[in-house]
């Protein structure tokens, strides 16, 4: 019985990781396809968001349902602040 539960959890984790990789690749493809410029900082923002979600989940004992939206909102605000600071100054 444990093998069935473990394999289902492993399959779900693999699908989630694959979905994250697909989203990152789609974002890189969209930026490169429109600007013809490879934006390597895209991956940096993804890693900042992942670390933020991890630390909110572990340090503050928030559940994944709460830490994910908080890290998404914080990532959006960080992206807007970066845009305003670097590109609109």
PDB file of N, CA and C in Angstrom:
ATOM      1  N   UNK A   1       0.817  -1.200   0.000  1.00  0.00           N
ATOM      2  CA  UNK A   1       0.000   0.000   0.000  1.00  0.00           C
ATOM      3  C   UNK A   1       0.862   1.266   0.000  1.00  0.00           C
ATOM      4  N   UNK A   2       1.991   1.231   0.688  1.00  0.00           N
ATOM      5  CA  UNK A   2       2.859   2.398   0.743  1.00  0.00           C
ATOM      6  C   UNK A   2       3.434   2.693  -0.639  1.00  0.00           C
ATOM      7  N   UNK A   3       3.711   1.648  -1.427  1.00  0.00           N
ATOM      8  CA  UNK A   3       4.265   1.869  -2.763  1.00  0.00           C
ATOM      9  C   UNK A   3       3.287   2.626  -3.654  1.00  0.00           C
ATOM     10  N   UNK A   4       2.003   2.366  -3.514  1.00  0.00           N
ATOM     11  CA  UNK A   4       1.006   3.055  -4.331  1.00  0.00           C
ATOM     12  C   UNK A   4       0.932   4.527  -3.937  1.00  0.00           C
ATOM     13  N   UNK A   5       0.946   4.804  -2.635  1.00  0.00           N
ATOM     14  CA  UNK A   5       0.892   6.184  -2.166  1.00  0.00           C
ATOM     15  C   UNK A   5       2.167   6.922  -2.560  1.00  0.00           C
ATOM     16  N   UNK A   6       3.308   6.270  -2.392  1.00  0.00           N
ATOM     17  CA  UNK A   6       4.578   6.894  -2.736  1.00  0.00           C
ATOM     18  C   UNK A   6       4.676   7.173  -4.229  1.00  0.00           C
ATOM     19  N   UNK A   7       4.251   6.237  -5.047  1.00  0.00           N
ATOM     20  CA  UNK A   7       4.339   6.448  -6.485  1.00  0.00           C
ATOM     21  C   UNK A   7       3.366   7.533  -6.943  1.00  0.00           C
ATOM     22  N   UNK A   8       2.215   7.654  -6.299  1.00  0.00           N
ATOM     23  CA  UNK A   8       1.277   8.728  -6.645  1.00  0.00           C
ATOM     24  C   UNK A   8       1.853  10.085  -6.246  1.00  0.00           C
ATOM     25  N   UNK A   9       2.479  10.162  -5.081  1.00  0.00           N
ATOM     26  CA  UNK A   9       3.107  11.415  -4.658  1.00  0.00           C
ATOM     27  C   UNK A   9       4.279  11.770  -5.565  1.00  0.00           C
ATOM     28  N   UNK A  10       5.036  10.769  -5.964  1.00  0.00           N
ATOM     29  CA  UNK A  10       6.165  11.000  -6.857  1.00  0.00           C
ATOM     30  C   UNK A  10       5.690  11.478  -8.229  1.00  0.00           C
ATOM     31  N   UNK A  11       4.615  10.881  -8.721  1.00  0.00           N
ATOM     32  CA  UNK A  11       4.070  11.305 -10.013  1.00  0.00           C
ATOM     33  C   UNK A  11       3.538  12.727  -9.936  1.00  0.00           C
ATOM     34  N   UNK A  12       2.868  13.074  -8.858  1.00  0.00           N
ATOM     35  CA  UNK A  12       2.351  14.432  -8.693  1.00  0.00           C
ATOM     36  C   UNK A  12       3.484  15.449  -8.584  1.00  0.00           C
ATOM     37  N   UNK A  13       4.542  15.108  -7.851  1.00  0.00           N
ATOM     38  CA  UNK A  13       5.688  16.005  -7.739  1.00  0.00           C
ATOM     39  C   UNK A  13       6.389  16.168  -9.089  1.00  0.00           C
ATOM     40  N   UNK A  14       6.472  15.102  -9.873  1.00  0.00           N
ATOM     41  CA  UNK A  14       7.098  15.196 -11.190  1.00  0.00           C
ATOM     42  C   UNK A  14       6.263  16.054 -12.133  1.00  0.00           C
ATOM     43  N   UNK A  15       4.955  15.929 -12.067  1.00  0.00           N
ATOM     44  CA  UNK A  15       4.078  16.753 -12.908  1.00  0.00           C
ATOM     45  C   UNK A  15       4.192  18.222 -12.502  1.00  0.00           C
ATOM     46  N   UNK A  16       4.259  18.492 -11.205  1.00  0.00           N
ATOM     47  CA  UNK A  16       4.400  19.878 -10.739  1.00  0.00           C
ATOM     48  C   UNK A  16       5.735  20.471 -11.177  1.00  0.00           C
ATOM     49  N   UNK A  17       6.814  19.715 -11.050  1.00  0.00           N
ATOM     50  CA  UNK A  17       8.129  20.214 -11.484  1.00  0.00           C
ATOM     51  C   UNK A  17       8.153  20.435 -12.994  1.00  0.00           C
ATOM     52  N   UNK A  18       7.557  19.535 -13.736  1.00  0.00           N
ATOM     53  CA  UNK A  18       7.487  19.698 -15.183  1.00  0.00           C
ATOM     54  C   UNK A  18       6.670  20.909 -15.584  1.00  0.00           C
ATOM     55  N   UNK A  19       5.596  21.187 -14.844  1.00  0.00           N
ATOM     56  CA  UNK A  19       4.779  22.366 -15.138  1.00  0.00           C
ATOM     57  C   UNK A  19       5.553  23.649 -14.861  1.00  0.00           C
ATOM     58  N   UNK A  20       6.345  23.654 -13.803  1.00  0.00           N
ATOM     59  CA  UNK A  20       7.162  24.831 -13.499  1.00  0.00           C
ATOM     60  C   UNK A  20       8.207  25.038 -14.586  1.00  0.00           C
ATOM     61  N   UNK A  21       8.864  23.960 -15.027  1.00  0.00           N
ATOM     62  CA  UNK A  21       9.841  24.074 -16.110  1.00  0.00           C
ATOM     63  C   UNK A  21       9.178  24.558 -17.398  1.00  0.00           C
ATOM     64  N   UNK A  22       7.971  24.089 -17.661  1.00  0.00           N
ATOM     65  CA  UNK A  22       7.261  24.513 -18.871  1.00  0.00           C
ATOM     66  C   UNK A  22       6.906  25.993 -18.804  1.00  0.00           C
ATOM     67  N   UNK A  23       6.494  26.474 -17.642  1.00  0.00           N
ATOM     68  CA  UNK A  23       6.191  27.898 -17.506  1.00  0.00           C
ATOM     69  C   UNK A  23       7.434  28.771 -17.684  1.00  0.00           C
ATOM     70  N   UNK A  24       8.539  28.345 -17.121  1.00  0.00           N
ATOM     71  CA  UNK A  24       9.780  29.104 -17.270  1.00  0.00           C
ATOM     72  C   UNK A  24      10.220  29.103 -18.730  1.00  0.00           C
ATOM     73  N   UNK A  25      10.138  27.946 -19.379  1.00  0.00           N
ATOM     74  CA  UNK A  25      10.536  27.868 -20.786  1.00  0.00           C
ATOM     75  C   UNK A  25       9.616  28.697 -21.668  1.00  0.00           C
ATOM     76  N   UNK A  26       8.329  28.718 -21.356  1.00  0.00           N
ATOM     77  CA  UNK A  26       7.395  29.536 -22.126  1.00  0.00           C
ATOM     78  C   UNK A  26       7.700  31.015 -21.960  1.00  0.00           C
ATOM     79  N   UNK A  27       8.020  31.433 -20.750  1.00  0.00           N
ATOM     80  CA  UNK A  27       8.381  32.827 -20.513  1.00  0.00           C
ATOM     81  C   UNK A  27       9.652  33.228 -21.242  1.00  0.00           C
ATOM     82  N   UNK A  28      10.660  32.353 -21.205  1.00  0.00           N
ATOM     83  CA  UNK A  28      11.902  32.637 -21.930  1.00  0.00           C
ATOM     84  C   UNK A  28      11.661  32.693 -23.436  1.00  0.00           C
ATOM     85  N   UNK A  29      10.832  31.769 -23.934  1.00  0.00           N
ATOM     86  CA  UNK A  29      10.525  31.739 -25.356  1.00  0.00           C
ATOM     87  C   UNK A  29       9.745  32.973 -25.783  1.00  0.00           C
ATOM     88  N   UNK A  30       8.831  33.425 -24.954  1.00  0.00           N
ATOM     89  CA  UNK A  30       8.046  34.610 -25.276  1.00  0.00           C
ATOM     90  C   UNK A  30       8.929  35.854 -25.338  1.00  0.00           C
ATOM     91  N   UNK A  31       9.809  36.005 -24.379  1.00  0.00           N
ATOM     92  CA  UNK A  31      10.694  37.172 -24.364  1.00  0.00           C
ATOM     93  C   UNK A  31      11.666  37.115 -25.533  1.00  0.00           C
ATOM     94  N   UNK A  32      12.251  35.946 -25.783  1.00  0.00           N
ATOM     95  CA  UNK A  32      13.214  35.851 -26.882  1.00  0.00           C
ATOM     96  C   UNK A  32      12.523  35.995 -28.237  1.00  0.00           C
ATOM     97  N   UNK A  33      11.316  35.462 -28.360  1.00  0.00           N
ATOM     98  CA  UNK A  33      10.611  35.541 -29.626  1.00  0.00           C
ATOM     99  C   UNK A  33      10.177  36.942 -29.983  1.00  0.00           C
ATOM    100  N   UNK A  34       9.850  37.753 -29.003  1.00  0.00           N
ATOM    101  CA  UNK A  34       9.402  39.108 -29.308  1.00  0.00           C
ATOM    102  C   UNK A  34      10.546  40.108 -29.360  1.00  0.00           C
ATOM    103  N   UNK A  35      11.514  39.988 -28.480  1.00  0.00           N
ATOM    104  CA  UNK A  35      12.597  40.968 -28.412  1.00  0.00           C
ATOM    105  C   UNK A  35      13.876  40.533 -29.105  1.00  0.00           C
ATOM    106  N   UNK A  36      14.001  39.240 -29.412  1.00  0.00           N
ATOM    107  CA  UNK A  36      15.247  38.680 -29.930  1.00  0.00           C
ATOM    108  C   UNK A  36      16.414  38.972 -28.983  1.00  0.00           C
ATOM    109  N   UNK A  37      16.102  38.888 -27.702  1.00  0.00           N
ATOM    110  CA  UNK A  37      17.086  39.132 -26.655  1.00  0.00           C
ATOM    111  C   UNK A  37      16.890  38.077 -25.580  1.00  0.00           C
ATOM    112  N   UNK A  38      17.938  37.368 -25.255  1.00  0.00           N
ATOM    113  CA  UNK A  38      17.841  36.341 -24.229  1.00  0.00           C
ATOM    114  C   UNK A  38      17.943  36.997 -22.860  1.00  0.00           C
ATOM    115  N   UNK A  39      16.859  36.949 -22.103  1.00  0.00           N
ATOM    116  CA  UNK A  39      16.806  37.582 -20.793  1.00  0.00           C
ATOM    117  C   UNK A  39      17.099  36.527 -19.729  1.00  0.00           C
ATOM    118  N   UNK A  40      18.335  36.484 -19.271  1.00  0.00           N
ATOM    119  CA  UNK A  40      18.736  35.483 -18.293  1.00  0.00           C
ATOM    120  C   UNK A  40      18.195  35.822 -16.908  1.00  0.00           C
ATOM    121  N   UNK A  41      17.829  37.065 -16.678  1.00  0.00           N
ATOM    122  CA  UNK A  41      17.286  37.462 -15.381  1.00  0.00           C
ATOM    123  C   UNK A  41      15.930  36.819 -15.118  1.00  0.00           C
ATOM    124  N   UNK A  42      15.299  36.300 -16.146  1.00  0.00           N
ATOM    125  CA  UNK A  42      14.020  35.607 -15.985  1.00  0.00           C
ATOM    126  C   UNK A  42      14.163  34.450 -14.985  1.00  0.00           C
ATOM    127  N   UNK A  43      15.221  33.690 -15.130  1.00  0.00           N
ATOM    128  CA  UNK A  43      15.483  32.585 -14.215  1.00  0.00           C
ATOM    129  C   UNK A  43      15.781  33.047 -12.805  1.00  0.00           C
ATOM    130  N   UNK A  44      16.406  34.207 -12.684  1.00  0.00           N
ATOM    131  CA  UNK A  44      16.685  34.760 -11.353  1.00  0.00           C
ATOM    132  C   UNK A  44      15.393  35.068 -10.600  1.00  0.00           C
ATOM    133  N   UNK A  45      14.450  35.652 -11.298  1.00  0.00           N
ATOM    134  CA  UNK A  45      13.182  35.957 -10.644  1.00  0.00           C
ATOM    135  C   UNK A  45      12.420  34.687 -10.274  1.00  0.00           C
ATOM    136  N   UNK A  46      12.542  33.650 -11.081  1.00  0.00           N
ATOM    137  CA  UNK A  46      11.903  32.373 -10.748  1.00  0.00           C
ATOM    138  C   UNK A  46      12.523  31.790  -9.486  1.00  0.00           C
ATOM    139  N   UNK A  47      13.841  31.842  -9.384  1.00  0.00           N
ATOM    140  CA  UNK A  47      14.506  31.303  -8.196  1.00  0.00           C
ATOM    141  C   UNK A  47      14.211  32.130  -6.952  1.00  0.00           C
ATOM    142  N   UNK A  48      14.123  33.446  -7.096  1.00  0.00           N
ATOM    143  CA  UNK A  48      13.762  34.289  -5.954  1.00  0.00           C
ATOM    144  C   UNK A  48      12.364  33.921  -5.460  1.00  0.00           C
ATOM    145  N   UNK A  49      11.441  33.728  -6.382  1.00  0.00           N
ATOM    146  CA  UNK A  49      10.085  33.336  -5.999  1.00  0.00           C
ATOM    147  C   UNK A  49      10.041  31.969  -5.341  1.00  0.00           C
ATOM    148  N   UNK A  50      10.840  31.028  -5.840  1.00  0.00           N
ATOM    149  CA  UNK A  50      10.873  29.689  -5.250  1.00  0.00           C
ATOM    150  C   UNK A  50      11.458  29.720  -3.842  1.00  0.00           C
ATOM    151  N   UNK A  51      12.538  30.455  -3.674  1.00  0.00           N
ATOM    152  CA  UNK A  51      13.128  30.569  -2.333  1.00  0.00           C
ATOM    153  C   UNK A  51      12.190  31.299  -1.374  1.00  0.00           C
ATOM    154  N   UNK A  52      11.528  32.311  -1.856  1.00  0.00           N
ATOM    155  CA  UNK A  52      10.590  33.038  -1.019  1.00  0.00           C
ATOM    156  C   UNK A  52       9.443  32.145  -0.562  1.00  0.00           C
ATOM    157  N   UNK A  53       8.898  31.365  -1.478  1.00  0.00           N
ATOM    158  CA  UNK A  53       7.829  30.441  -1.106  1.00  0.00           C
ATOM    159  C   UNK A  53       8.325  29.405  -0.092  1.00  0.00           C
ATOM    160  N   UNK A  54       9.549  28.910  -0.284  1.00  0.00           N
ATOM    161  CA  UNK A  54      10.118  27.939   0.647  1.00  0.00           C
ATOM    162  C   UNK A  54      10.289  28.530   2.046  1.00  0.00           C
ATOM    163  N   UNK A  55      10.849  29.739   2.120  1.00  0.00           N
ATOM    164  CA  UNK A  55      11.102  30.331   3.426  1.00  0.00           C
ATOM    165  C   UNK A  55       9.818  30.744   4.125  1.00  0.00           C
ATOM    166  N   UNK A  56       8.841  31.214   3.382  1.00  0.00           N
ATOM    167  CA  UNK A  56       7.550  31.544   4.004  1.00  0.00           C
ATOM    168  C   UNK A  56       6.901  30.271   4.532  1.00  0.00           C
ATOM    169  N   UNK A  57       7.032  29.187   3.778  1.00  0.00           N
ATOM    170  CA  UNK A  57       6.446  27.910   4.184  1.00  0.00           C
ATOM    171  C   UNK A  57       7.126  27.344   5.422  1.00  0.00           C
ATOM    172  N   UNK A  58       8.459  27.440   5.500  1.00  0.00           N
ATOM    173  CA  UNK A  58       9.170  26.812   6.609  1.00  0.00           C
ATOM    174  C   UNK A  58       9.313  27.713   7.832  1.00  0.00           C
ATOM    175  N   UNK A  59       9.639  28.983   7.646  1.00  0.00           N
ATOM    176  CA  UNK A  59       9.892  29.848   8.799  1.00  0.00           C
ATOM    177  C   UNK A  59       8.610  30.300   9.496  1.00  0.00           C
ATOM    178  N   UNK A  60       7.604  30.633   8.711  1.00  0.00           N
ATOM    179  CA  UNK A  60       6.388  31.182   9.302  1.00  0.00           C
ATOM    180  C   UNK A  60       5.292  30.148   9.471  1.00  0.00           C
ATOM    181  N   UNK A  61       5.543  28.919   9.110  1.00  0.00           N
ATOM    182  CA  UNK A  61       4.593  27.810   9.223  1.00  0.00           C
ATOM    183  C   UNK A  61       3.273  28.076   8.525  1.00  0.00           C
ATOM    184  N   UNK A  62       3.335  28.797   7.408  1.00  0.00           N
ATOM    185  CA  UNK A  62       2.146  28.957   6.586  1.00  0.00           C
ATOM    186  C   UNK A  62       2.006  27.721   5.713  1.00  0.00           C
ATOM    187  N   UNK A  63       0.802  27.373   5.392  1.00  0.00           N
ATOM    188  CA  UNK A  63       0.580  26.250   4.499  1.00  0.00           C
ATOM    189  C   UNK A  63       0.921  26.611   3.063  1.00  0.00           C
ATOM    190  N   UNK A  64       1.008  25.618   2.197  1.00  0.00           N
ATOM    191  CA  UNK A  64       1.314  25.908   0.797  1.00  0.00           C
ATOM    192  C   UNK A  64       0.239  26.760   0.130  1.00  0.00           C
ATOM    193  N   UNK A  65      -0.999  26.612   0.563  1.00  0.00           N
ATOM    194  CA  UNK A  65      -2.090  27.389  -0.027  1.00  0.00           C
ATOM    195  C   UNK A  65      -1.959  28.876   0.292  1.00  0.00           C
ATOM    196  N   UNK A  66      -1.268  29.224   1.356  1.00  0.00           N
ATOM    197  CA  UNK A  66      -1.072  30.626   1.711  1.00  0.00           C
ATOM    198  C   UNK A  66       0.314  31.133   1.297  1.00  0.00           C
ATOM    199  N   UNK A  67       1.326  30.277   1.369  1.00  0.00           N
ATOM    200  CA  UNK A  67       2.673  30.735   1.020  1.00  0.00           C
ATOM    201  C   UNK A  67       2.828  30.957  -0.477  1.00  0.00           C
ATOM    202  N   UNK A  68       2.127  30.195  -1.296  1.00  0.00           N
ATOM    203  CA  UNK A  68       2.238  30.385  -2.741  1.00  0.00           C
ATOM    204  C   UNK A  68       1.670  31.725  -3.194  1.00  0.00           C
ATOM    205  N   UNK A  69       0.440  32.106  -2.796  1.00  0.00           N
ATOM    206  CA  UNK A  69      -0.040  33.432  -3.212  1.00  0.00           C
ATOM    207  C   UNK A  69       0.784  34.587  -2.637  1.00  0.00           C
ATOM    208  N   UNK A  70       1.276  34.433  -1.422  1.00  0.00           N
ATOM    209  CA  UNK A  70       2.116  35.487  -0.850  1.00  0.00           C
ATOM    210  C   UNK A  70       3.411  35.650  -1.641  1.00  0.00           C
ATOM    211  N   UNK A  71       4.009  34.547  -2.037  1.00  0.00           N
ATOM    212  CA  UNK A  71       5.249  34.655  -2.808  1.00  0.00           C
ATOM    213  C   UNK A  71       4.980  35.159  -4.221  1.00  0.00           C
ATOM    214  N   UNK A  72       3.830  34.841  -4.795  1.00  0.00           N
ATOM    215  CA  UNK A  72       3.488  35.363  -6.124  1.00  0.00           C
ATOM    216  C   UNK A  72       3.280  36.877  -6.057  1.00  0.00           C
ATOM    217  N   UNK A  73       2.559  37.330  -5.060  1.00  0.00           N
ATOM    218  CA  UNK A  73       2.324  38.770  -4.904  1.00  0.00           C
ATOM    219  C   UNK A  73       3.637  39.506  -4.653  1.00  0.00           C
ATOM    220  N   UNK A  74       4.488  38.944  -3.807  1.00  0.00           N
ATOM    221  CA  UNK A  74       5.775  39.565  -3.539  1.00  0.00           C
ATOM    222  C   UNK A  74       6.652  39.570  -4.787  1.00  0.00           C
ATOM    223  N   UNK A  75       6.601  38.499  -5.567  1.00  0.00           N
ATOM    224  CA  UNK A  75       7.363  38.459  -6.808  1.00  0.00           C
ATOM    225  C   UNK A  75       6.879  39.487  -7.816  1.00  0.00           C
ATOM    226  N   UNK A  76       5.562  39.678  -7.887  1.00  0.00           N
ATOM    227  CA  UNK A  76       5.015  40.706  -8.779  1.00  0.00           C
ATOM    228  C   UNK A  76       5.473  42.089  -8.336  1.00  0.00           C
ATOM    229  N   UNK A  77       5.420  42.346  -7.047  1.00  0.00           N
ATOM    230  CA  UNK A  77       5.870  43.646  -6.539  1.00  0.00           C
ATOM    231  C   UNK A  77       7.367  43.852  -6.768  1.00  0.00           C
ATOM    232  N   UNK A  78       8.150  42.802  -6.618  1.00  0.00           N
ATOM    233  CA  UNK A  78       9.585  42.894  -6.888  1.00  0.00           C
ATOM    234  C   UNK A  78       9.842  43.167  -8.368  1.00  0.00           C
ATOM    235  N   UNK A  79       9.094  42.513  -9.238  1.00  0.00           N
ATOM    236  CA  UNK A  79       9.238  42.755 -10.670  1.00  0.00           C
ATOM    237  C   UNK A  79       8.844  44.168 -11.054  1.00  0.00           C
ATOM    238  N   UNK A  80       7.770  44.672 -10.464  1.00  0.00           N
ATOM    239  CA  UNK A  80       7.364  46.054 -10.738  1.00  0.00           C
ATOM    240  C   UNK A  80       8.392  47.055 -10.227  1.00  0.00           C
ATOM    241  N   UNK A  81       8.931  46.791  -9.040  1.00  0.00           N
ATOM    242  CA  UNK A  81       9.954  47.691  -8.497  1.00  0.00           C
ATOM    243  C   UNK A  81      11.211  47.668  -9.362  1.00  0.00           C
ATOM    244  N   UNK A  82      11.588  46.496  -9.857  1.00  0.00           N
ATOM    245  CA  UNK A  82      12.743  46.399 -10.732  1.00  0.00           C
ATOM    246  C   UNK A  82      12.494  47.142 -12.037  1.00  0.00           C
ATOM    247  N   UNK A  83      11.307  46.996 -12.586  1.00  0.00           N
ATOM    248  CA  UNK A  83      10.963  47.689 -13.825  1.00  0.00           C
ATOM    249  C   UNK A  83      11.005  49.200 -13.634  1.00  0.00           C
ATOM    250  N   UNK A  84      10.404  49.673 -12.539  1.00  0.00           N
ATOM    251  CA  UNK A  84      10.383  51.111 -12.296  1.00  0.00           C
ATOM    252  C   UNK A  84      11.792  51.653 -12.047  1.00  0.00           C
ATOM    253  N   UNK A  85      12.627  50.874 -11.375  1.00  0.00           N
ATOM    254  CA  UNK A  85      13.965  51.328 -11.039  1.00  0.00           C
ATOM    255  C   UNK A  85      14.910  51.307 -12.237  1.00  0.00           C
ATOM    256  N   UNK A  86      14.889  50.242 -13.020  1.00  0.00           N
ATOM    257  CA  UNK A  86      15.868  50.080 -14.077  1.00  0.00           C
ATOM    258  C   UNK A  86      15.427  50.628 -15.423  1.00  0.00           C
ATOM    259  N   UNK A  87      14.170  50.468 -15.762  1.00  0.00           N
ATOM    260  CA  UNK A  87      13.742  50.794 -17.113  1.00  0.00           C
ATOM    261  C   UNK A  87      12.983  52.096 -17.234  1.00  0.00           C
ATOM    262  N   UNK A  88      12.390  52.582 -16.172  1.00  0.00           N
ATOM    263  CA  UNK A  88      11.608  53.793 -16.245  1.00  0.00           C
ATOM    264  C   UNK A  88      12.240  54.934 -15.462  1.00  0.00           C
ATOM    265  N   UNK A  89      13.519  54.851 -15.218  1.00  0.00           N
ATOM    266  CA  UNK A  89      14.156  55.914 -14.445  1.00  0.00           C
ATOM    267  C   UNK A  89      14.700  57.022 -15.331  1.00  0.00           C
TER     268      UNK A  89
END
